[in-house]
Amino acid sequence: MPNAMITTYTYIPLVGVSTITDPKGDKITYTYDSFGRLEFVKDKNNNILSQNQYNYKQ
């Protein structure tokens, strides 16, 4: 498949997607906290694209 454009996905079992690599080789990384909640989404240069903070009442 010399003309194929493939995007690859890697997963952490029972948590979610950990990386997405596009056909150009650029990677998006998903980071999770110890509770399995999405914490950061970062681009190929490790720039933060999205950050989530979780709060709860005691």
PDB file of N, CA and C in Angstrom:
ATOM      1  N   MET A   1       0.821  -1.186   0.000  1.00  0.00           N
ATOM      2  CA  MET A   1       0.000   0.000   0.000  1.00  0.00           C
ATOM      3  C   MET A   1       0.872   1.260   0.000  1.00  0.00           C
ATOM      4  N   PRO A   2       1.546   1.548  -1.065  1.00  0.00           N
ATOM      5  CA  PRO A   2       2.446   2.698  -1.084  1.00  0.00           C
ATOM      6  C   PRO A   2       1.744   4.046  -0.949  1.00  0.00           C
ATOM      7  N   ASN A   3       0.487   4.140  -1.319  1.00  0.00           N
ATOM      8  CA  ASN A   3      -0.235   5.411  -1.238  1.00  0.00           C
ATOM      9  C   ASN A   3      -1.177   5.476  -0.042  1.00  0.00           C
ATOM     10  N   ALA A   4      -1.075   4.515   0.850  1.00  0.00           N
ATOM     11  CA  ALA A   4      -1.983   4.465   2.000  1.00  0.00           C
ATOM     12  C   ALA A   4      -1.629   5.559   3.006  1.00  0.00           C
ATOM     13  N   MET A   5      -2.654   6.149   3.589  1.00  0.00           N
ATOM     14  CA  MET A   5      -2.500   7.148   4.647  1.00  0.00           C
ATOM     15  C   MET A   5      -3.086   6.524   5.902  1.00  0.00           C
ATOM     16  N   ILE A   6      -2.239   6.171   6.857  1.00  0.00           N
ATOM     17  CA  ILE A   6      -2.686   5.427   8.029  1.00  0.00           C
ATOM     18  C   ILE A   6      -2.492   6.254   9.289  1.00  0.00           C
ATOM     19  N   THR A   7      -3.523   6.290  10.112  1.00  0.00           N
ATOM     20  CA  THR A   7      -3.455   6.899  11.433  1.00  0.00           C
ATOM     21  C   THR A   7      -3.459   5.761  12.439  1.00  0.00           C
ATOM     22  N   THR A   8      -2.509   5.776  13.386  1.00  0.00           N
ATOM     23  CA  THR A   8      -2.448   4.711  14.384  1.00  0.00           C
ATOM     24  C   THR A   8      -2.871   5.236  15.751  1.00  0.00           C
ATOM     25  N   TYR A   9      -3.505   4.362  16.495  1.00  0.00           N
ATOM     26  CA  TYR A   9      -3.993   4.679  17.836  1.00  0.00           C
ATOM     27  C   TYR A   9      -3.418   3.656  18.807  1.00  0.00           C
ATOM     28  N   THR A  10      -2.935   4.116  19.958  1.00  0.00           N
ATOM     29  CA  THR A  10      -2.538   3.198  21.022  1.00  0.00           C
ATOM     30  C   THR A  10      -3.412   3.484  22.234  1.00  0.00           C
ATOM     31  N   TYR A  11      -3.674   2.439  23.001  1.00  0.00           N
ATOM     32  CA  TYR A  11      -4.610   2.536  24.121  1.00  0.00           C
ATOM     33  C   TYR A  11      -3.994   2.003  25.407  1.00  0.00           C
ATOM     34  N   ILE A  12      -4.471   2.544  26.518  1.00  0.00           N
ATOM     35  CA  ILE A  12      -4.185   1.996  27.838  1.00  0.00           C
ATOM     36  C   ILE A  12      -5.435   1.212  28.225  1.00  0.00           C
ATOM     37  N   PRO A  13      -5.330  -0.083  28.464  1.00  0.00           N
ATOM     38  CA  PRO A  13      -6.515  -0.884  28.778  1.00  0.00           C
ATOM     39  C   PRO A  13      -7.313  -0.307  29.947  1.00  0.00           C
ATOM     40  N   LEU A  14      -8.616  -0.277  29.789  1.00  0.00           N
ATOM     41  CA  LEU A  14      -9.576   0.203  30.782  1.00  0.00           C
ATOM     42  C   LEU A  14      -9.454   1.693  31.091  1.00  0.00           C
ATOM     43  N   VAL A  15      -8.626   2.419  30.338  1.00  0.00           N
ATOM     44  CA  VAL A  15      -8.471   3.864  30.568  1.00  0.00           C
ATOM     45  C   VAL A  15      -8.883   4.634  29.326  1.00  0.00           C
ATOM     46  N   GLY A  16      -8.134   4.479  28.249  1.00  0.00           N
ATOM     47  CA  GLY A  16      -8.465   5.190  27.021  1.00  0.00           C
ATOM     48  C   GLY A  16      -7.270   5.292  26.092  1.00  0.00           C
ATOM     49  N   VAL A  17      -7.440   6.107  25.065  1.00  0.00           N
ATOM     50  CA  VAL A  17      -6.390   6.289  24.065  1.00  0.00           C
ATOM     51  C   VAL A  17      -5.184   6.968  24.710  1.00  0.00           C
ATOM     52  N   SER A  18      -3.979   6.514  24.354  1.00  0.00           N
ATOM     53  CA  SER A  18      -2.768   7.132  24.909  1.00  0.00           C
ATOM     54  C   SER A  18      -2.021   7.952  23.862  1.00  0.00           C
ATOM     55  N   THR A  19      -2.031   7.513  22.603  1.00  0.00           N
ATOM     56  CA  THR A  19      -1.424   8.306  21.534  1.00  0.00           C
ATOM     57  C   THR A  19      -2.202   8.134  20.241  1.00  0.00           C
ATOM     58  N   ILE A  20      -2.137   9.167  19.424  1.00  0.00           N
ATOM     59  CA  ILE A  20      -2.645   9.113  18.057  1.00  0.00           C
ATOM     60  C   ILE A  20      -1.520   9.636  17.177  1.00  0.00           C
ATOM     61  N   THR A  21      -1.127   8.843  16.184  1.00  0.00           N
ATOM     62  CA  THR A  21      -0.079   9.251  15.255  1.00  0.00           C
ATOM     63  C   THR A  21      -0.692   9.371  13.871  1.00  0.00           C
ATOM     64  N   ASP A  22      -0.576  10.569  13.277  1.00  0.00           N
ATOM     65  CA  ASP A  22      -1.179  10.803  11.965  1.00  0.00           C
ATOM     66  C   ASP A  22      -0.251  10.315  10.852  1.00  0.00           C
ATOM     67  N   PRO A  23      -0.718  10.350   9.599  1.00  0.00           N
ATOM     68  CA  PRO A  23       0.096   9.836   8.487  1.00  0.00           C
ATOM     69  C   PRO A  23       1.440  10.547   8.311  1.00  0.00           C
ATOM     70  N   LYS A  24       1.575  11.776   8.788  1.00  0.00           N
ATOM     71  CA  LYS A  24       2.851  12.498   8.686  1.00  0.00           C
ATOM     72  C   LYS A  24       3.813  12.121   9.806  1.00  0.00           C
ATOM     73  N   GLY A  25       3.346  11.331  10.777  1.00  0.00           N
ATOM     74  CA  GLY A  25       4.182  10.929  11.900  1.00  0.00           C
ATOM     75  C   GLY A  25       4.053  11.831  13.109  1.00  0.00           C
ATOM     76  N   ASP A  26       3.167  12.820  13.039  1.00  0.00           N
ATOM     77  CA  ASP A  26       2.948  13.711  14.181  1.00  0.00           C
ATOM     78  C   ASP A  26       2.100  12.996  15.224  1.00  0.00           C
ATOM     79  N   LYS A  27       2.528  13.091  16.480  1.00  0.00           N
ATOM     80  CA  LYS A  27       1.884  12.340  17.553  1.00  0.00           C
ATOM     81  C   LYS A  27       1.191  13.269  18.543  1.00  0.00           C
ATOM     82  N   ILE A  28      -0.033  12.916  18.923  1.00  0.00           N
ATOM     83  CA  ILE A  28      -0.775  13.566  20.000  1.00  0.00           C
ATOM     84  C   ILE A  28      -0.758  12.582  21.171  1.00  0.00           C
ATOM     85  N   THR A  29      -0.409  13.067  22.361  1.00  0.00           N
ATOM     86  CA  THR A  29      -0.292  12.214  23.543  1.00  0.00           C
ATOM     87  C   THR A  29      -1.354  12.584  24.570  1.00  0.00           C
ATOM     88  N   TYR A  30      -2.003  11.575  25.114  1.00  0.00           N
ATOM     89  CA  TYR A  30      -3.032  11.749  26.140  1.00  0.00           C
ATOM     90  C   TYR A  30      -2.481  11.214  27.453  1.00  0.00           C
ATOM     91  N   THR A  31      -2.525  12.048  28.505  1.00  0.00           N
ATOM     92  CA  THR A  31      -1.998  11.678  29.816  1.00  0.00           C
ATOM     93  C   THR A  31      -3.145  11.613  30.809  1.00  0.00           C
ATOM     94  N   TYR A  32      -3.127  10.578  31.654  1.00  0.00           N
ATOM     95  CA  TYR A  32      -4.202  10.349  32.616  1.00  0.00           C
ATOM     96  C   TYR A  32      -3.663  10.408  34.037  1.00  0.00           C
ATOM     97  N   ASP A  33      -4.528  10.791  34.980  1.00  0.00           N
ATOM     98  CA  ASP A  33      -4.122  10.805  36.387  1.00  0.00           C
ATOM     99  C   ASP A  33      -4.267   9.407  36.987  1.00  0.00           C
ATOM    100  N   SER A  34      -3.990   9.283  38.276  1.00  0.00           N
ATOM    101  CA  SER A  34      -4.012   7.965  38.923  1.00  0.00           C
ATOM    102  C   SER A  34      -5.408   7.354  39.005  1.00  0.00           C
ATOM    103  N   PHE A  35      -6.452   8.164  38.765  1.00  0.00           N
ATOM    104  CA  PHE A  35      -7.822   7.655  38.757  1.00  0.00           C
ATOM    105  C   PHE A  35      -8.298   7.324  37.343  1.00  0.00           C
ATOM    106  N   GLY A  36      -7.420   7.471  36.357  1.00  0.00           N
ATOM    107  CA  GLY A  36      -7.773   7.163  34.978  1.00  0.00           C
ATOM    108  C   GLY A  36      -8.525   8.276  34.277  1.00  0.00           C
ATOM    109  N   ARG A  37      -8.485   9.475  34.833  1.00  0.00           N
ATOM    110  CA  ARG A  37      -9.168  10.619  34.220  1.00  0.00           C
ATOM    111  C   ARG A  37      -8.186  11.374  33.326  1.00  0.00           C
ATOM    112  N   LEU A  38      -8.693  11.839  32.184  1.00  0.00           N
ATOM    113  CA  LEU A  38      -7.846  12.576  31.251  1.00  0.00           C
ATOM    114  C   LEU A  38      -7.313  13.839  31.909  1.00  0.00           C
ATOM    115  N   GLU A  39      -5.995  14.009  31.874  1.00  0.00           N
ATOM    116  CA  GLU A  39      -5.363  15.159  32.512  1.00  0.00           C
ATOM    117  C   GLU A  39      -4.805  16.141  31.472  1.00  0.00           C
ATOM    118  N   PHE A  40      -4.019  15.637  30.514  1.00  0.00           N
ATOM    119  CA  PHE A  40      -3.420  16.489  29.491  1.00  0.00           C
ATOM    120  C   PHE A  40      -3.564  15.875  28.113  1.00  0.00           C
ATOM    121  N   VAL A  41      -3.645  16.747  27.112  1.00  0.00           N
ATOM    122  CA  VAL A  41      -3.482  16.368  25.716  1.00  0.00           C
ATOM    123  C   VAL A  41      -2.332  17.228  25.211  1.00  0.00           C
ATOM    124  N   LYS A  42      -1.290  16.570  24.666  1.00  0.00           N
ATOM    125  CA  LYS A  42      -0.099  17.298  24.228  1.00  0.00           C
ATOM    126  C   LYS A  42       0.221  16.976  22.775  1.00  0.00           C
ATOM    127  N   ASP A  43       0.790  17.968  22.073  1.00  0.00           N
ATOM    128  CA  ASP A  43       1.157  17.777  20.679  1.00  0.00           C
ATOM    129  C   ASP A  43       2.556  17.177  20.548  1.00  0.00           C
ATOM    130  N   LYS A  44       3.032  17.083  19.311  1.00  0.00           N
ATOM    131  CA  LYS A  44       4.332  16.446  19.044  1.00  0.00           C
ATOM    132  C   LYS A  44       5.502  17.167  19.702  1.00  0.00           C
ATOM    133  N   ASN A  45       5.340  18.455  20.013  1.00  0.00           N
ATOM    134  CA  ASN A  45       6.397  19.236  20.660  1.00  0.00           C
ATOM    135  C   ASN A  45       6.197  19.343  22.166  1.00  0.00           C
ATOM    136  N   ASN A  46       5.289  18.538  22.689  1.00  0.00           N
ATOM    137  CA  ASN A  46       4.963  18.499  24.115  1.00  0.00           C
ATOM    138  C   ASN A  46       4.258  19.765  24.606  1.00  0.00           C
ATOM    139  N   ASN A  47       3.675  20.532  23.674  1.00  0.00           N
ATOM    140  CA  ASN A  47       2.859  21.686  24.051  1.00  0.00           C
ATOM    141  C   ASN A  47       1.504  21.191  24.529  1.00  0.00           C
ATOM    142  N   ILE A  48       0.978  21.796  25.578  1.00  0.00           N
ATOM    143  CA  ILE A  48      -0.320  21.391  26.113  1.00  0.00           C
ATOM    144  C   ILE A  48      -1.425  21.950  25.220  1.00  0.00           C
ATOM    145  N   LEU A  49      -2.233  21.056  24.663  1.00  0.00           N
ATOM    146  CA  LEU A  49      -3.383  21.452  23.858  1.00  0.00           C
ATOM    147  C   LEU A  49      -4.636  21.556  24.707  1.00  0.00           C
ATOM    148  N   SER A  50      -4.705  20.720  25.741  1.00  0.00           N
ATOM    149  CA  SER A  50      -5.865  20.678  26.627  1.00  0.00           C
ATOM    150  C   SER A  50      -5.409  20.208  28.002  1.00  0.00           C
ATOM    151  N   GLN A  51      -5.982  20.822  29.037  1.00  0.00           N
ATOM    152  CA  GLN A  51      -5.669  20.421  30.409  1.00  0.00           C
ATOM    153  C   GLN A  51      -6.968  20.357  31.191  1.00  0.00           C
ATOM    154  N   ASN A  52      -7.149  19.275  31.926  1.00  0.00           N
ATOM    155  CA  ASN A  52      -8.341  19.096  32.750  1.00  0.00           C
ATOM    156  C   ASN A  52      -7.938  19.016  34.209  1.00  0.00           C
ATOM    157  N   GLN A  53      -8.712  19.692  35.053  1.00  0.00           N
ATOM    158  CA  GLN A  53      -8.519  19.604  36.497  1.00  0.00           C
ATOM    159  C   GLN A  53      -9.833  19.140  37.096  1.00  0.00           C
ATOM    160  N   TYR A  54      -9.744  18.248  38.059  1.00  0.00           N
ATOM    161  CA  TYR A  54     -10.923  17.672  38.686  1.00  0.00           C
ATOM    162  C   TYR A  54     -10.951  18.065  40.152  1.00  0.00           C
ATOM    163  N   ASN A  55     -12.095  18.536  40.611  1.00  0.00           N
ATOM    164  CA  ASN A  55     -12.281  18.955  42.000  1.00  0.00           C
ATOM    165  C   ASN A  55     -13.509  18.258  42.568  1.00  0.00           C
ATOM    166  N   TYR A  56     -13.516  18.062  43.852  1.00  0.00           N
ATOM    167  CA  TYR A  56     -14.673  17.459  44.498  1.00  0.00           C
ATOM    168  C   TYR A  56     -14.864  18.084  45.871  1.00  0.00           C
ATOM    169  N   LYS A  57     -16.101  18.058  46.332  1.00  0.00           N
ATOM    170  CA  LYS A  57     -16.405  18.565  47.668  1.00  0.00           C
ATOM    171  C   LYS A  57     -16.163  17.470  48.686  1.00  0.00           C
ATOM    172  N   GLN A  58     -15.722  17.878  49.867  1.00  0.00           N
ATOM    173  CA  GLN A  58     -15.513  16.902  50.934  1.00  0.00           C
ATOM    174  C   GLN A  58     -16.697  16.878  51.853  1.00  0.00           C
TER     175      GLN A  58
END
